[in-house]
Amino acid sequence: MKEQIDNLVKLQKIETESSAIKSILTNVAQRLDSLCSRLSEFEQTTEDEELRLDELNKSYRLYKSDVEMNSSRLKKSQERLGSIKTNKEYLLLLKAIEDIKTINSQIEDQMLECLEQMDDIERVLADRANEYEKLSEQINKEKQTIAQETEENSKRLVELDNEWKTFSSKIDPQLLKIYIMVRDKAGGIAVAPVKDAVCYVCNMNIPSQIYNDLQRCDSLKFCPSCQRIIYWKDT
């Protein structure tokens, strides 16, 4: 029976490792999606800044066009001053000239503000270009690591499957059936070590008689609390 229990313990270790590897492999797609999301978010932020820069450029060109048009009107108005004959017309034209100058001054302030914002964005974009290069390199390395880990884990999973077949073939079919039934009911852990009369899985005390019988390793015993197959840890 001791040899049978030993094989059950080995079988459980194989299944525990297999379960951990399967969990890692299941999360591979999620890990890759997370990496892609990081890059996409960075690209989206950069694209937003580029669109903002483009809008500022358009605004600047419109402002410049308005200034040029107003400057042309200003020049014509100033040229007319010499031909004005009445004081009233002269004052009206002077006021129109001052209005044009005021409007142009306001537009030029807006142009200056545009230029300052454009300079700020261009500096940000230059910094982000360097950051993007570093981030892309980092993410590519992480993807390569994930691919390598996936390959190694997949190979190890095949090895564990072969090991499981090897050890399960050494176990009495009826005992293996019991093991699988207990494992499925007990959340994947079917075999529990016992030391100092305590089950190491549920941490409950084992009755003295069962503990004494367990040390002889001549029969199958179950934990009265968690119903798992138990074995004496010192063996």
C-alpha atoms as a PDB file:
ATOM      1  CA  MET A   1       0.000   0.000   0.000  1.00  0.00           C
ATOM      2  CA  LYS A   2       2.889   2.344   0.768  1.00  0.00           C
ATOM      3  CA  GLU A   3       4.095   2.100  -2.821  1.00  0.00           C
ATOM      4  CA  GLN A   4       0.578   2.765  -4.082  1.00  0.00           C
ATOM      5  CA  ILE A   5       0.274   5.860  -1.872  1.00  0.00           C
ATOM      6  CA  ASP A   6       3.686   7.065  -3.041  1.00  0.00           C
ATOM      7  CA  ASN A   7       2.494   6.853  -6.632  1.00  0.00           C
ATOM      8  CA  LEU A   8      -0.678   8.746  -5.731  1.00  0.00           C
ATOM      9  CA  VAL A   9       1.445  11.510  -4.181  1.00  0.00           C
ATOM     10  CA  LYS A  10       3.585  11.676  -7.323  1.00  0.00           C
ATOM     11  CA  LEU A  11       0.448  11.712  -9.438  1.00  0.00           C
ATOM     12  CA  GLN A  12      -0.915  14.630  -7.450  1.00  0.00           C
ATOM     13  CA  LYS A  13       2.345  16.579  -7.794  1.00  0.00           C
ATOM     14  CA  ILE A  14       2.173  16.043 -11.555  1.00  0.00           C
ATOM     15  CA  GLU A  15      -1.424  17.265 -11.676  1.00  0.00           C
ATOM     16  CA  THR A  16      -0.634  20.298  -9.516  1.00  0.00           C
ATOM     17  CA  GLU A  17       2.204  21.341 -11.806  1.00  0.00           C
ATOM     18  CA  SER A  18       0.084  20.643 -14.886  1.00  0.00           C
ATOM     19  CA  SER A  19      -2.747  22.757 -13.494  1.00  0.00           C
ATOM     20  CA  ALA A  20      -0.378  25.662 -12.829  1.00  0.00           C
ATOM     21  CA  ILE A  21       1.045  25.458 -16.354  1.00  0.00           C
ATOM     22  CA  LYS A  22      -2.429  25.264 -17.914  1.00  0.00           C
ATOM     23  CA  SER A  23      -3.426  28.369 -15.970  1.00  0.00           C
ATOM     24  CA  ILE A  24      -0.364  30.212 -17.310  1.00  0.00           C
ATOM     25  CA  LEU A  25      -1.084  29.096 -20.875  1.00  0.00           C
ATOM     26  CA  THR A  26      -4.708  30.172 -20.532  1.00  0.00           C
ATOM     27  CA  ASN A  27      -3.568  33.661 -19.565  1.00  0.00           C
ATOM     28  CA  VAL A  28      -1.146  34.032 -22.505  1.00  0.00           C
ATOM     29  CA  ALA A  29      -3.748  35.691 -24.742  1.00  0.00           C
ATOM     30  CA  GLN A  30      -4.715  38.069 -21.946  1.00  0.00           C
ATOM     31  CA  ARG A  31      -1.066  38.993 -21.318  1.00  0.00           C
ATOM     32  CA  LEU A  32      -0.517  39.657 -25.040  1.00  0.00           C
ATOM     33  CA  ASP A  33      -3.713  41.718 -25.245  1.00  0.00           C
ATOM     34  CA  SER A  34      -2.529  43.754 -22.269  1.00  0.00           C
ATOM     35  CA  LEU A  35       0.775  44.516 -24.019  1.00  0.00           C
ATOM     36  CA  CYS A  36      -1.017  45.501 -27.228  1.00  0.00           C
ATOM     37  CA  SER A  37      -3.395  47.721 -25.248  1.00  0.00           C
ATOM     38  CA  ARG A  38      -0.483  49.579 -23.674  1.00  0.00           C
ATOM     39  CA  LEU A  39       0.941  50.304 -27.109  1.00  0.00           C
ATOM     40  CA  SER A  40      -2.459  51.219 -28.568  1.00  0.00           C
ATOM     41  CA  GLU A  41      -3.183  53.656 -25.739  1.00  0.00           C
ATOM     42  CA  PHE A  42       0.187  55.317 -26.292  1.00  0.00           C
ATOM     43  CA  GLU A  43      -0.446  55.534 -30.041  1.00  0.00           C
ATOM     44  CA  GLN A  44      -3.943  56.964 -29.466  1.00  0.00           C
ATOM     45  CA  THR A  45      -2.610  59.662 -27.147  1.00  0.00           C
ATOM     46  CA  THR A  46       0.040  60.578 -29.723  1.00  0.00           C
ATOM     47  CA  GLU A  47      -2.561  60.660 -32.484  1.00  0.00           C
ATOM     48  CA  ASP A  48      -4.743  62.980 -30.387  1.00  0.00           C
ATOM     49  CA  GLU A  49      -1.810  65.362 -29.952  1.00  0.00           C
ATOM     50  CA  GLU A  50      -1.094  65.255 -33.693  1.00  0.00           C
ATOM     51  CA  LEU A  51      -4.732  66.073 -34.477  1.00  0.00           C
ATOM     52  CA  ARG A  52      -4.587  68.958 -32.026  1.00  0.00           C
ATOM     53  CA  LEU A  53      -1.431  70.237 -33.705  1.00  0.00           C
ATOM     54  CA  ASP A  54      -3.106  69.982 -37.094  1.00  0.00           C
ATOM     55  CA  GLU A  55      -6.111  71.987 -35.850  1.00  0.00           C
ATOM     56  CA  LEU A  56      -3.811  74.666 -34.453  1.00  0.00           C
ATOM     57  CA  ASN A  57      -1.999  74.850 -37.795  1.00  0.00           C
ATOM     58  CA  LYS A  58      -5.300  75.348 -39.578  1.00  0.00           C
ATOM     59  CA  SER A  59      -6.323  78.061 -37.130  1.00  0.00           C
ATOM     60  CA  TYR A  60      -2.970  79.782 -37.528  1.00  0.00           C
ATOM     61  CA  ARG A  61      -3.315  79.823 -41.328  1.00  0.00           C
ATOM     62  CA  LEU A  62      -6.824  81.288 -41.065  1.00  0.00           C
ATOM     63  CA  TYR A  63      -5.629  83.967 -38.653  1.00  0.00           C
ATOM     64  CA  LYS A  64      -2.752  84.800 -40.991  1.00  0.00           C
ATOM     65  CA  SER A  65      -5.140  85.061 -43.925  1.00  0.00           C
ATOM     66  CA  ASP A  66      -7.381  87.418 -41.921  1.00  0.00           C
ATOM     67  CA  VAL A  67      -4.415  89.587 -40.954  1.00  0.00           C
ATOM     68  CA  GLU A  68      -3.264  89.823 -44.571  1.00  0.00           C
ATOM     69  CA  MET A  69      -6.753  90.712 -45.740  1.00  0.00           C
ATOM     70  CA  ASN A  70      -7.138  93.357 -43.012  1.00  0.00           C
ATOM     71  CA  SER A  71      -3.669  94.740 -43.785  1.00  0.00           C
ATOM     72  CA  SER A  72      -4.723  95.176 -47.407  1.00  0.00           C
ATOM     73  CA  ARG A  73      -7.866  96.994 -46.296  1.00  0.00           C
ATOM     74  CA  LEU A  74      -5.780  99.118 -43.926  1.00  0.00           C
ATOM     75  CA  LYS A  75      -3.396 100.149 -46.703  1.00  0.00           C
ATOM     76  CA  LYS A  76      -6.260 101.134 -49.010  1.00  0.00           C
ATOM     77  CA  SER A  77      -7.945 103.096 -46.226  1.00  0.00           C
ATOM     78  CA  GLN A  78      -4.724 104.946 -45.425  1.00  0.00           C
ATOM     79  CA  GLU A  79      -4.271 105.780 -49.098  1.00  0.00           C
ATOM     80  CA  ARG A  80      -7.784 107.280 -49.173  1.00  0.00           C
ATOM     81  CA  LEU A  81      -7.027 109.667 -46.333  1.00  0.00           C
ATOM     82  CA  GLY A  82      -5.365 112.122 -48.696  1.00  0.00           C
ATOM     83  CA  SER A  83      -8.433 112.320 -50.910  1.00  0.00           C
ATOM     84  CA  ILE A  84     -11.024 112.868 -48.144  1.00  0.00           C
ATOM     85  CA  LYS A  85     -12.621 116.319 -48.396  1.00  0.00           C
ATOM     86  CA  THR A  86     -14.918 116.533 -45.363  1.00  0.00           C
ATOM     87  CA  ASN A  87     -13.936 116.355 -41.729  1.00  0.00           C
ATOM     88  CA  LYS A  88     -16.721 113.894 -40.960  1.00  0.00           C
ATOM     89  CA  GLU A  89     -15.569 111.436 -43.609  1.00  0.00           C
ATOM     90  CA  TYR A  90     -12.008 111.882 -42.440  1.00  0.00           C
ATOM     91  CA  LEU A  91     -12.921 111.021 -38.828  1.00  0.00           C
ATOM     92  CA  LEU A  92     -14.990 108.038 -39.927  1.00  0.00           C
ATOM     93  CA  LEU A  93     -12.122 106.691 -41.990  1.00  0.00           C
ATOM     94  CA  LEU A  94      -9.685 107.229 -39.114  1.00  0.00           C
ATOM     95  CA  LYS A  95     -12.001 105.241 -36.845  1.00  0.00           C
ATOM     96  CA  ALA A  96     -12.257 102.468 -39.442  1.00  0.00           C
ATOM     97  CA  ILE A  97      -8.446 102.366 -39.670  1.00  0.00           C
ATOM     98  CA  GLU A  98      -8.134 102.134 -35.873  1.00  0.00           C
ATOM     99  CA  ASP A  99     -10.776  99.352 -35.791  1.00  0.00           C
ATOM    100  CA  ILE A 100      -8.802  97.375 -38.367  1.00  0.00           C
ATOM    101  CA  LYS A 101      -5.607  97.862 -36.387  1.00  0.00           C
ATOM    102  CA  THR A 102      -7.362  96.703 -33.179  1.00  0.00           C
ATOM    103  CA  ILE A 103      -8.787  93.639 -34.895  1.00  0.00           C
ATOM    104  CA  ASN A 104      -5.398  92.757 -36.389  1.00  0.00           C
ATOM    105  CA  SER A 105      -3.739  93.190 -32.992  1.00  0.00           C
ATOM    106  CA  GLN A 106      -6.242  90.776 -31.438  1.00  0.00           C
ATOM    107  CA  ILE A 107      -5.744  88.270 -34.251  1.00  0.00           C
ATOM    108  CA  GLU A 108      -1.952  88.524 -33.913  1.00  0.00           C
ATOM    109  CA  ASP A 109      -2.296  87.744 -30.182  1.00  0.00           C
ATOM    110  CA  GLN A 110      -4.284  84.637 -31.119  1.00  0.00           C
ATOM    111  CA  MET A 111      -1.618  83.713 -33.671  1.00  0.00           C
ATOM    112  CA  LEU A 112       1.071  84.052 -31.005  1.00  0.00           C
ATOM    113  CA  GLU A 113      -0.930  81.850 -28.645  1.00  0.00           C
ATOM    114  CA  CYS A 114      -1.300  79.285 -31.445  1.00  0.00           C
ATOM    115  CA  LEU A 115       2.439  79.278 -32.063  1.00  0.00           C
ATOM    116  CA  GLU A 116       3.173  78.767 -28.363  1.00  0.00           C
ATOM    117  CA  GLN A 117       0.742  75.854 -28.148  1.00  0.00           C
ATOM    118  CA  MET A 118       2.162  74.361 -31.351  1.00  0.00           C
ATOM    119  CA  ASP A 119       5.702  74.595 -29.940  1.00  0.00           C
ATOM    120  CA  ASP A 120       4.580  72.841 -26.739  1.00  0.00           C
ATOM    121  CA  ILE A 121       2.890  70.031 -28.669  1.00  0.00           C
ATOM    122  CA  GLU A 122       5.852  69.574 -30.997  1.00  0.00           C
ATOM    123  CA  ARG A 123       8.151  69.187 -27.962  1.00  0.00           C
ATOM    124  CA  VAL A 124       5.747  66.670 -26.441  1.00  0.00           C
ATOM    125  CA  LEU A 125       5.576  64.729 -29.703  1.00  0.00           C
ATOM    126  CA  ALA A 126       9.366  64.670 -29.980  1.00  0.00           C
ATOM    127  CA  ASP A 127       9.608  63.243 -26.446  1.00  0.00           C
ATOM    128  CA  ARG A 128       6.840  60.745 -27.135  1.00  0.00           C
ATOM    129  CA  ALA A 129       8.625  59.541 -30.277  1.00  0.00           C
ATOM    130  CA  ASN A 130      11.581  58.485 -28.099  1.00  0.00           C
ATOM    131  CA  GLU A 131       9.257  56.992 -25.501  1.00  0.00           C
ATOM    132  CA  TYR A 132       7.374  55.077 -28.193  1.00  0.00           C
ATOM    133  CA  GLU A 133      10.587  53.554 -29.505  1.00  0.00           C
ATOM    134  CA  LYS A 134      11.572  52.410 -26.009  1.00  0.00           C
ATOM    135  CA  LEU A 135       8.069  51.111 -25.249  1.00  0.00           C
ATOM    136  CA  SER A 136       7.905  49.189 -28.552  1.00  0.00           C
ATOM    137  CA  GLU A 137      11.262  47.601 -27.838  1.00  0.00           C
ATOM    138  CA  GLN A 138      10.217  46.664 -24.311  1.00  0.00           C
ATOM    139  CA  ILE A 139       6.905  45.175 -25.458  1.00  0.00           C
ATOM    140  CA  ASN A 140       8.599  43.180 -28.234  1.00  0.00           C
ATOM    141  CA  LYS A 141      11.003  41.722 -25.669  1.00  0.00           C
ATOM    142  CA  GLU A 142       8.093  40.831 -23.384  1.00  0.00           C
ATOM    143  CA  LYS A 143       6.283  39.174 -26.302  1.00  0.00           C
ATOM    144  CA  GLN A 144       9.405  37.130 -27.083  1.00  0.00           C
ATOM    145  CA  THR A 145       9.643  36.097 -23.433  1.00  0.00           C
ATOM    146  CA  ILE A 146       5.980  35.059 -23.416  1.00  0.00           C
ATOM    147  CA  ALA A 147       6.472  33.071 -26.638  1.00  0.00           C
ATOM    148  CA  GLN A 148       9.517  31.305 -25.194  1.00  0.00           C
ATOM    149  CA  GLU A 149       7.738  30.570 -21.903  1.00  0.00           C
ATOM    150  CA  THR A 150       4.715  29.276 -23.820  1.00  0.00           C
ATOM    151  CA  GLU A 151       6.873  26.921 -25.855  1.00  0.00           C
ATOM    152  CA  GLU A 152       8.678  25.628 -22.760  1.00  0.00           C
ATOM    153  CA  ASN A 153       5.448  25.234 -20.794  1.00  0.00           C
ATOM    154  CA  SER A 154       3.786  23.397 -23.662  1.00  0.00           C
ATOM    155  CA  LYS A 155       6.706  20.964 -23.840  1.00  0.00           C
ATOM    156  CA  ARG A 156       6.642  20.497 -20.070  1.00  0.00           C
ATOM    157  CA  LEU A 157       2.904  19.819 -20.227  1.00  0.00           C
ATOM    158  CA  VAL A 158       3.525  16.969 -22.684  1.00  0.00           C
ATOM    159  CA  GLU A 159       6.222  15.583 -20.375  1.00  0.00           C
ATOM    160  CA  LEU A 160       3.877  15.748 -17.388  1.00  0.00           C
ATOM    161  CA  ASP A 161       1.133  14.017 -19.341  1.00  0.00           C
ATOM    162  CA  ASN A 162       3.530  11.163 -20.094  1.00  0.00           C
ATOM    163  CA  GLU A 163       4.618  11.035 -16.457  1.00  0.00           C
ATOM    164  CA  TRP A 164       0.972  10.896 -15.369  1.00  0.00           C
ATOM    165  CA  LYS A 165       0.365   7.945 -17.654  1.00  0.00           C
ATOM    166  CA  THR A 166       3.473   6.207 -16.309  1.00  0.00           C
ATOM    167  CA  PHE A 167       2.575   6.550 -12.628  1.00  0.00           C
ATOM    168  CA  SER A 168      -1.169   5.970 -13.100  1.00  0.00           C
ATOM    169  CA  SER A 169      -0.385   2.658 -14.808  1.00  0.00           C
ATOM    170  CA  LYS A 170       1.374   1.548 -11.612  1.00  0.00           C
ATOM    171  CA  ILE A 171      -1.664   2.256  -9.455  1.00  0.00           C
ATOM    172  CA  ASP A 172      -4.399  -0.283  -8.808  1.00  0.00           C
ATOM    173  CA  PRO A 173      -7.327   0.643 -11.108  1.00  0.00           C
ATOM    174  CA  GLN A 174      -9.821   0.663  -8.232  1.00  0.00           C
ATOM    175  CA  LEU A 175      -7.532   2.882  -6.146  1.00  0.00           C
ATOM    176  CA  LEU A 176      -7.019   5.207  -9.117  1.00  0.00           C
ATOM    177  CA  LYS A 177     -10.778   5.448  -9.516  1.00  0.00           C
ATOM    178  CA  ILE A 178     -11.100   6.412  -5.835  1.00  0.00           C
ATOM    179  CA  TYR A 179      -8.304   8.952  -6.203  1.00  0.00           C
ATOM    180  CA  ILE A 180      -9.978  10.636  -9.197  1.00  0.00           C
ATOM    181  CA  MET A 181     -13.349  10.716  -7.425  1.00  0.00           C
ATOM    182  CA  VAL A 182     -11.837  12.303  -4.292  1.00  0.00           C
ATOM    183  CA  ARG A 183      -9.791  14.740  -6.380  1.00  0.00           C
ATOM    184  CA  ASP A 184     -12.842  15.934  -8.301  1.00  0.00           C
ATOM    185  CA  LYS A 185     -14.833  16.441  -5.088  1.00  0.00           C
ATOM    186  CA  ALA A 186     -11.997  18.069  -3.138  1.00  0.00           C
ATOM    187  CA  GLY A 187     -11.060  20.850  -5.528  1.00  0.00           C
ATOM    188  CA  GLY A 188      -8.153  19.095  -7.225  1.00  0.00           C
ATOM    189  CA  ILE A 189      -6.244  17.956  -4.084  1.00  0.00           C
ATOM    190  CA  ALA A 190      -6.976  14.303  -3.337  1.00  0.00           C
ATOM    191  CA  VAL A 191      -3.995  13.304  -1.174  1.00  0.00           C
ATOM    192  CA  ALA A 192      -3.037  15.031   2.056  1.00  0.00           C
ATOM    193  CA  PRO A 193       0.038  14.436   4.259  1.00  0.00           C
ATOM    194  CA  VAL A 194      -0.435  13.985   7.995  1.00  0.00           C
ATOM    195  CA  LYS A 195       2.174  14.896  10.598  1.00  0.00           C
ATOM    196  CA  ASP A 196       1.792  15.061  14.377  1.00  0.00           C
ATOM    197  CA  ALA A 197      -1.790  13.848  13.893  1.00  0.00           C
ATOM    198  CA  VAL A 198      -2.738  16.925  11.807  1.00  0.00           C
ATOM    199  CA  CYS A 199      -3.974  16.892   8.199  1.00  0.00           C
ATOM    200  CA  TYR A 200      -1.777  19.348   6.318  1.00  0.00           C
ATOM    201  CA  VAL A 201      -4.559  20.337   3.888  1.00  0.00           C
ATOM    202  CA  CYS A 202      -7.515  21.081   6.174  1.00  0.00           C
ATOM    203  CA  ASN A 203      -5.385  21.546   9.362  1.00  0.00           C
ATOM    204  CA  MET A 204      -7.726  19.388  11.428  1.00  0.00           C
ATOM    205  CA  ASN A 205      -6.607  16.797  13.989  1.00  0.00           C
ATOM    206  CA  ILE A 206      -6.715  13.123  13.060  1.00  0.00           C
ATOM    207  CA  PRO A 207      -8.152  10.734  15.682  1.00  0.00           C
ATOM    208  CA  SER A 208      -5.444   8.772  17.515  1.00  0.00           C
ATOM    209  CA  GLN A 209      -6.611   5.366  16.262  1.00  0.00           C
ATOM    210  CA  ILE A 210      -6.590   6.476  12.616  1.00  0.00           C
ATOM    211  CA  TYR A 211      -3.221   8.148  13.104  1.00  0.00           C
ATOM    212  CA  ASN A 212      -1.738   4.992  14.613  1.00  0.00           C
ATOM    213  CA  ASP A 213      -3.147   2.864  11.795  1.00  0.00           C
ATOM    214  CA  LEU A 214      -1.860   5.381   9.255  1.00  0.00           C
ATOM    215  CA  GLN A 215       1.732   4.920  10.416  1.00  0.00           C
ATOM    216  CA  ARG A 216       1.608   1.225   9.530  1.00  0.00           C
ATOM    217  CA  CYS A 217       0.948   2.139   5.885  1.00  0.00           C
ATOM    218  CA  ASP A 218      -0.996  -1.054   5.299  1.00  0.00           C
ATOM    219  CA  SER A 219      -4.421   0.334   4.355  1.00  0.00           C
ATOM    220  CA  LEU A 220      -6.116   3.296   2.725  1.00  0.00           C
ATOM    221  CA  LYS A 221      -7.197   6.009   5.161  1.00  0.00           C
ATOM    222  CA  PHE A 222      -9.284   9.148   4.745  1.00  0.00           C
ATOM    223  CA  CYS A 223      -9.281  12.412   6.679  1.00  0.00           C
ATOM    224  CA  PRO A 224     -12.500  12.515   8.771  1.00  0.00           C
ATOM    225  CA  SER A 225     -12.741  16.288   8.166  1.00  0.00           C
ATOM    226  CA  CYS A 226     -11.936  16.878   4.490  1.00  0.00           C
ATOM    227  CA  GLN A 227     -12.420  13.283   3.228  1.00  0.00           C
ATOM    228  CA  ARG A 228      -9.094  13.286   1.384  1.00  0.00           C
ATOM    229  CA  ILE A 229      -6.795  10.291   1.155  1.00  0.00           C
ATOM    230  CA  ILE A 230      -4.183  10.744   3.879  1.00  0.00           C
ATOM    231  CA  TYR A 231      -0.675   9.358   4.410  1.00  0.00           C
ATOM    232  CA  TRP A 232       1.908   9.607   7.156  1.00  0.00           C
ATOM    233  CA  LYS A 233       4.299  12.404   6.170  1.00  0.00           C
ATOM    234  CA  ASP A 234       7.339  10.756   7.794  1.00  0.00           C
ATOM    235  CA  THR A 235       7.138   8.006   5.202  1.00  0.00           C
END
